[in-house]
């Protein structure tokens, strides 16, 4: 991916973003607040996810300023900016997952989560994949549909495993014994809520979508991609 004039507008995000701006200007890059060519996140994985939700598809350069940043590179800011200017960063493309609920759409880089809204009441639901027979009703705290990028996050805390291809389906505290599985990327998952209430979330986005008895959630791969820059 060429830098040149195509990636000179840099949006810097993070608690102390102002301290990075002189380093950006020294390299002939233009710090901006809107319409960026690249977004530099100086923080952890949460900041990376929020930046992708706010600027979908814009290349992200995630740099770690947190002990909990698994996806963020540990490079120092000057080094990372030098690599950007020297066109020595590799662009990795990661597909995302989307949920459609009652006319609303949620898109996540890590995962879509359906979770019981009340901690004292389990959610009941049925699942069908590619319009197959939904089978028996499941009862528990909900489920997670993760991408390979997000398989090291919430999905892994439930399954103790990760994956590199497909869509991961994990069940959170299910009363019935049910296996977690990895489906093809083309899978279309329908979740019918038979007893709520529940919440549908994408990544760490704050605007949950409430669902209740009779609601259906359609989950599948999104057409968009996240572009993550790294050495």
Protein backbone atom coordinates (compact mmCIF):
# COMPACT_ATOMS: atom_id res chain seq x y z
CA UNK A 1 0.00 0.00 0.00
CA UNK A 2 1.64 3.23 -1.13
CA UNK A 3 1.87 6.13 1.28
CA UNK A 4 2.64 9.15 -0.86
CA UNK A 5 -0.15 11.69 -1.01
CA UNK A 6 -2.78 9.01 -0.37
CA UNK A 7 -2.00 8.49 3.31
CA UNK A 8 -0.79 11.84 4.60
CA UNK A 9 -3.87 12.81 6.60
CA UNK A 10 -3.44 11.15 10.00
CA UNK A 11 -6.01 11.05 12.78
CA UNK A 12 -4.38 10.31 16.15
CA UNK A 13 -6.54 8.83 18.91
CA UNK A 14 -5.59 8.17 22.52
CA UNK A 15 -5.47 9.74 25.97
CA UNK A 16 -2.33 11.74 25.22
CA UNK A 17 -2.80 12.15 21.47
CA UNK A 18 -1.65 15.78 21.58
CA UNK A 19 1.88 14.71 22.50
CA UNK A 20 2.13 12.71 19.27
CA UNK A 21 1.05 15.50 16.91
CA UNK A 22 4.52 17.18 16.72
CA UNK A 23 6.00 13.81 15.65
CA UNK A 24 3.37 13.56 12.93
CA UNK A 25 4.09 17.06 11.63
CA UNK A 26 7.87 16.51 11.69
CA UNK A 27 7.45 13.77 9.09
CA UNK A 28 5.41 15.90 6.73
CA UNK A 29 2.12 14.29 7.70
CA UNK A 30 -1.02 16.32 8.38
CA UNK A 31 -2.86 15.76 11.68
CA UNK A 32 -6.61 15.91 11.07
CA UNK A 33 -9.86 15.43 12.99
CA UNK A 34 -12.00 14.28 10.06
CA UNK A 35 -11.65 12.56 6.68
CA UNK A 36 -8.40 10.78 7.62
CA UNK A 37 -6.33 8.61 5.28
CA UNK A 38 -5.08 6.58 8.25
CA UNK A 39 -6.11 6.38 11.91
CA UNK A 40 -3.35 5.92 14.49
CA UNK A 41 -4.70 4.51 17.75
CA UNK A 42 -2.44 4.88 20.77
CA UNK A 43 -4.01 2.75 23.45
CA UNK A 44 -5.42 -0.79 23.57
CA UNK A 45 -7.70 -3.12 21.69
CA UNK A 46 -10.81 -1.28 22.84
CA UNK A 47 -9.67 1.93 21.19
CA UNK A 48 -8.92 0.04 17.98
CA UNK A 49 -12.44 -1.43 17.94
CA UNK A 50 -14.05 1.95 18.63
CA UNK A 51 -12.02 3.59 15.87
CA UNK A 52 -13.13 0.96 13.34
CA UNK A 53 -16.76 1.55 14.29
CA UNK A 54 -16.33 5.31 13.85
CA UNK A 55 -14.18 5.21 10.67
CA UNK A 56 -15.01 1.88 9.02
CA UNK A 57 -12.63 0.74 6.32
CA UNK A 58 -10.07 3.51 6.91
CA UNK A 59 -6.62 1.92 7.51
CA UNK A 60 -5.74 1.68 11.21
CA UNK A 61 -2.26 1.80 12.72
CA UNK A 62 -2.75 0.42 16.27
CA UNK A 63 0.06 1.15 18.73
CA UNK A 64 0.05 -0.20 22.24
CA UNK A 65 -0.18 2.19 25.17
CA UNK A 66 -1.86 -0.38 27.40
CA UNK A 67 -0.97 -3.68 29.08
CA UNK A 68 -4.08 -5.26 27.60
CA UNK A 69 -3.54 -4.55 23.90
CA UNK A 70 -3.25 -7.94 22.19
CA UNK A 71 -3.91 -6.65 18.68
CA UNK A 72 -1.85 -3.47 19.05
CA UNK A 73 1.81 -3.38 18.06
CA UNK A 74 4.36 -2.61 20.80
CA UNK A 75 6.35 -0.24 18.57
CA UNK A 76 7.21 3.27 19.65
CA UNK A 77 5.37 6.07 17.89
CA UNK A 78 8.42 7.57 16.08
CA UNK A 79 9.37 4.15 14.72
CA UNK A 80 5.83 3.46 13.53
CA UNK A 81 5.58 6.84 11.79
CA UNK A 82 8.92 6.25 10.07
CA UNK A 83 7.69 2.89 8.81
CA UNK A 84 4.50 4.52 7.56
CA UNK A 85 6.43 7.17 5.65
CA UNK A 86 8.87 4.58 4.26
CA UNK A 87 5.97 2.46 2.96
CA UNK A 88 7.20 -0.47 5.05
CA UNK A 89 3.90 -1.33 6.72
CA UNK A 90 1.82 -4.30 5.59
CA UNK A 91 -1.95 -3.93 5.24
CA UNK A 92 -3.85 -6.93 6.62
CA UNK A 93 -7.55 -7.14 5.74
CA UNK A 94 -10.03 -8.62 8.21
CA UNK A 95 -13.68 -9.29 7.51
CA UNK A 96 -16.37 -8.19 9.93
CA UNK A 97 -19.66 -9.66 11.13
CA UNK A 98 -23.08 -8.00 11.05
CA UNK A 99 -26.38 -8.46 12.82
CA UNK A 100 -29.74 -7.26 11.50
CA UNK A 101 -32.44 -6.74 14.11
CA UNK A 102 -35.82 -5.10 13.58
CA UNK A 103 -34.51 -2.74 10.91
CA UNK A 104 -31.28 -1.96 12.75
CA UNK A 105 -27.78 -3.12 11.84
CA UNK A 106 -24.81 -3.75 14.13
CA UNK A 107 -21.35 -4.43 12.69
CA UNK A 108 -18.43 -5.78 14.68
CA UNK A 109 -14.78 -6.45 13.94
CA UNK A 110 -14.54 -8.89 16.85
CA UNK A 111 -18.00 -10.31 17.39
CA UNK A 112 -21.75 -10.04 17.66
CA UNK A 113 -23.07 -10.95 21.10
CA UNK A 114 -26.58 -11.83 22.24
CA UNK A 115 -26.76 -11.67 26.04
CA UNK A 116 -29.54 -11.92 28.59
CA UNK A 117 -30.63 -8.45 29.69
CA UNK A 118 -31.38 -9.54 33.26
CA UNK A 119 -28.68 -11.42 35.19
CA UNK A 120 -31.39 -13.28 37.13
CA UNK A 121 -33.17 -14.56 34.01
CA UNK A 122 -31.74 -16.73 31.23
CA UNK A 123 -32.57 -16.10 27.60
CA UNK A 124 -34.25 -18.81 25.50
CA UNK A 125 -33.61 -19.05 21.78
CA UNK A 126 -33.48 -21.28 18.72
CA UNK A 127 -30.76 -21.21 16.05
CA UNK A 128 -30.84 -22.12 12.39
CA UNK A 129 -27.85 -22.07 10.03
CA UNK A 130 -28.51 -21.53 6.32
CA UNK A 131 -32.26 -21.99 6.95
CA UNK A 132 -31.87 -25.51 8.35
CA UNK A 133 -34.20 -26.87 11.03
CA UNK A 134 -33.55 -24.73 14.14
CA UNK A 135 -33.73 -27.77 16.41
CA UNK A 136 -34.29 -27.64 20.14
CA UNK A 137 -34.61 -24.54 22.25
CA UNK A 138 -31.44 -23.47 24.04
CA UNK A 139 -31.35 -21.78 27.44
CA UNK A 140 -28.47 -19.77 28.86
CA UNK A 141 -26.80 -16.38 28.99
CA UNK A 142 -26.71 -16.13 25.20
CA UNK A 143 -24.20 -16.64 22.42
CA UNK A 144 -21.27 -15.11 20.56
CA UNK A 145 -20.59 -15.10 16.81
CA UNK A 146 -16.95 -14.17 16.30
CA UNK A 147 -14.61 -13.43 13.40
CA UNK A 148 -11.09 -14.88 13.26
CA UNK A 149 -9.81 -11.46 14.33
CA UNK A 150 -12.07 -11.56 17.39
CA UNK A 151 -11.56 -15.23 18.18
CA UNK A 152 -8.88 -14.33 20.74
CA UNK A 153 -11.32 -12.10 22.65
CA UNK A 154 -14.75 -13.03 24.13
CA UNK A 155 -14.97 -16.21 22.04
CA UNK A 156 -11.75 -17.49 23.59
CA UNK A 157 -12.86 -16.78 27.14
CA UNK A 158 -15.86 -19.07 26.54
CA UNK A 159 -14.24 -21.83 24.47
CA UNK A 160 -10.57 -21.62 25.55
CA UNK A 161 -9.71 -21.80 21.86
CA UNK A 162 -9.41 -19.67 18.74
CA UNK A 163 -9.56 -20.15 14.97
CA UNK A 164 -8.20 -18.66 11.75
CA UNK A 165 -11.04 -19.09 9.26
CA UNK A 166 -14.82 -18.96 9.32
CA UNK A 167 -17.33 -17.71 11.89
CA UNK A 168 -17.07 -19.01 15.43
CA UNK A 169 -20.30 -19.80 17.27
CA UNK A 170 -19.98 -20.07 21.05
CA UNK A 171 -22.68 -20.54 23.67
CA UNK A 172 -22.44 -18.65 26.94
CA UNK A 173 -23.38 -20.72 30.03
CA UNK A 174 -25.85 -22.91 28.18
CA UNK A 175 -27.96 -25.16 30.40
CA UNK A 176 -28.06 -27.82 27.69
CA UNK A 177 -24.77 -29.49 26.68
CA UNK A 178 -24.00 -27.96 23.29
CA UNK A 179 -20.71 -27.81 21.41
CA UNK A 180 -19.12 -24.64 20.17
CA UNK A 181 -18.45 -24.72 16.44
CA UNK A 182 -16.74 -22.89 13.60
CA UNK A 183 -18.94 -22.32 10.55
CA UNK A 184 -17.95 -21.31 7.01
CA UNK A 185 -17.63 -17.58 6.36
CA UNK A 186 -20.68 -17.81 4.09
CA UNK A 187 -22.93 -19.13 6.88
CA UNK A 188 -26.16 -17.27 7.61
CA UNK A 189 -27.24 -17.61 11.24
CA UNK A 190 -30.77 -16.88 12.43
CA UNK A 191 -31.45 -16.59 16.12
CA UNK A 192 -35.10 -16.54 17.20
CA UNK A 193 -35.70 -15.29 20.74
CA UNK A 194 -38.36 -17.42 22.42
CA UNK A 195 -38.00 -15.77 25.80
CA UNK A 196 -36.22 -12.52 26.53
CA UNK A 197 -35.34 -9.93 27.27
CA UNK A 198 -31.89 -9.86 25.71
CA UNK A 199 -29.41 -7.38 24.23
CA UNK A 200 -27.56 -7.54 20.92
CA UNK A 201 -24.14 -5.91 20.90
CA UNK A 202 -21.22 -5.51 18.49
CA UNK A 203 -17.72 -5.40 19.96
CA UNK A 204 -17.52 -2.82 22.77
CA UNK A 205 -20.03 -0.42 21.20
CA UNK A 206 -22.29 1.19 23.82
CA UNK A 207 -25.58 1.25 21.88
CA UNK A 208 -27.08 -2.21 22.54
CA UNK A 209 -30.18 -3.29 20.64
CA UNK A 210 -32.90 -4.74 22.93
CA UNK A 211 -34.78 -7.84 21.75
CA UNK A 212 -37.60 -9.82 23.29
CA UNK A 213 -40.00 -12.70 22.68
CA UNK A 214 -40.57 -13.32 18.96
CA UNK A 215 -37.69 -11.18 17.71
CA UNK A 216 -35.23 -12.63 15.18
CA UNK A 217 -31.58 -11.72 14.68
CA UNK A 218 -29.88 -12.39 11.34
CA UNK A 219 -26.09 -12.74 11.65
CA UNK A 220 -23.64 -13.11 8.77
CA UNK A 221 -20.40 -11.84 7.33
CA UNK A 222 -20.42 -8.15 6.51
CA UNK A 223 -19.39 -6.88 3.09
CA UNK A 224 -16.91 -4.41 4.57
CA UNK A 225 -13.38 -5.06 5.80
CA UNK A 226 -11.07 -3.59 8.41
CA UNK A 227 -7.56 -2.68 7.22
CA UNK A 228 -4.91 -3.02 9.93
CA UNK A 229 -1.38 -1.76 9.29
CA UNK A 230 1.60 -3.48 10.87
CA UNK A 231 5.31 -4.16 10.29
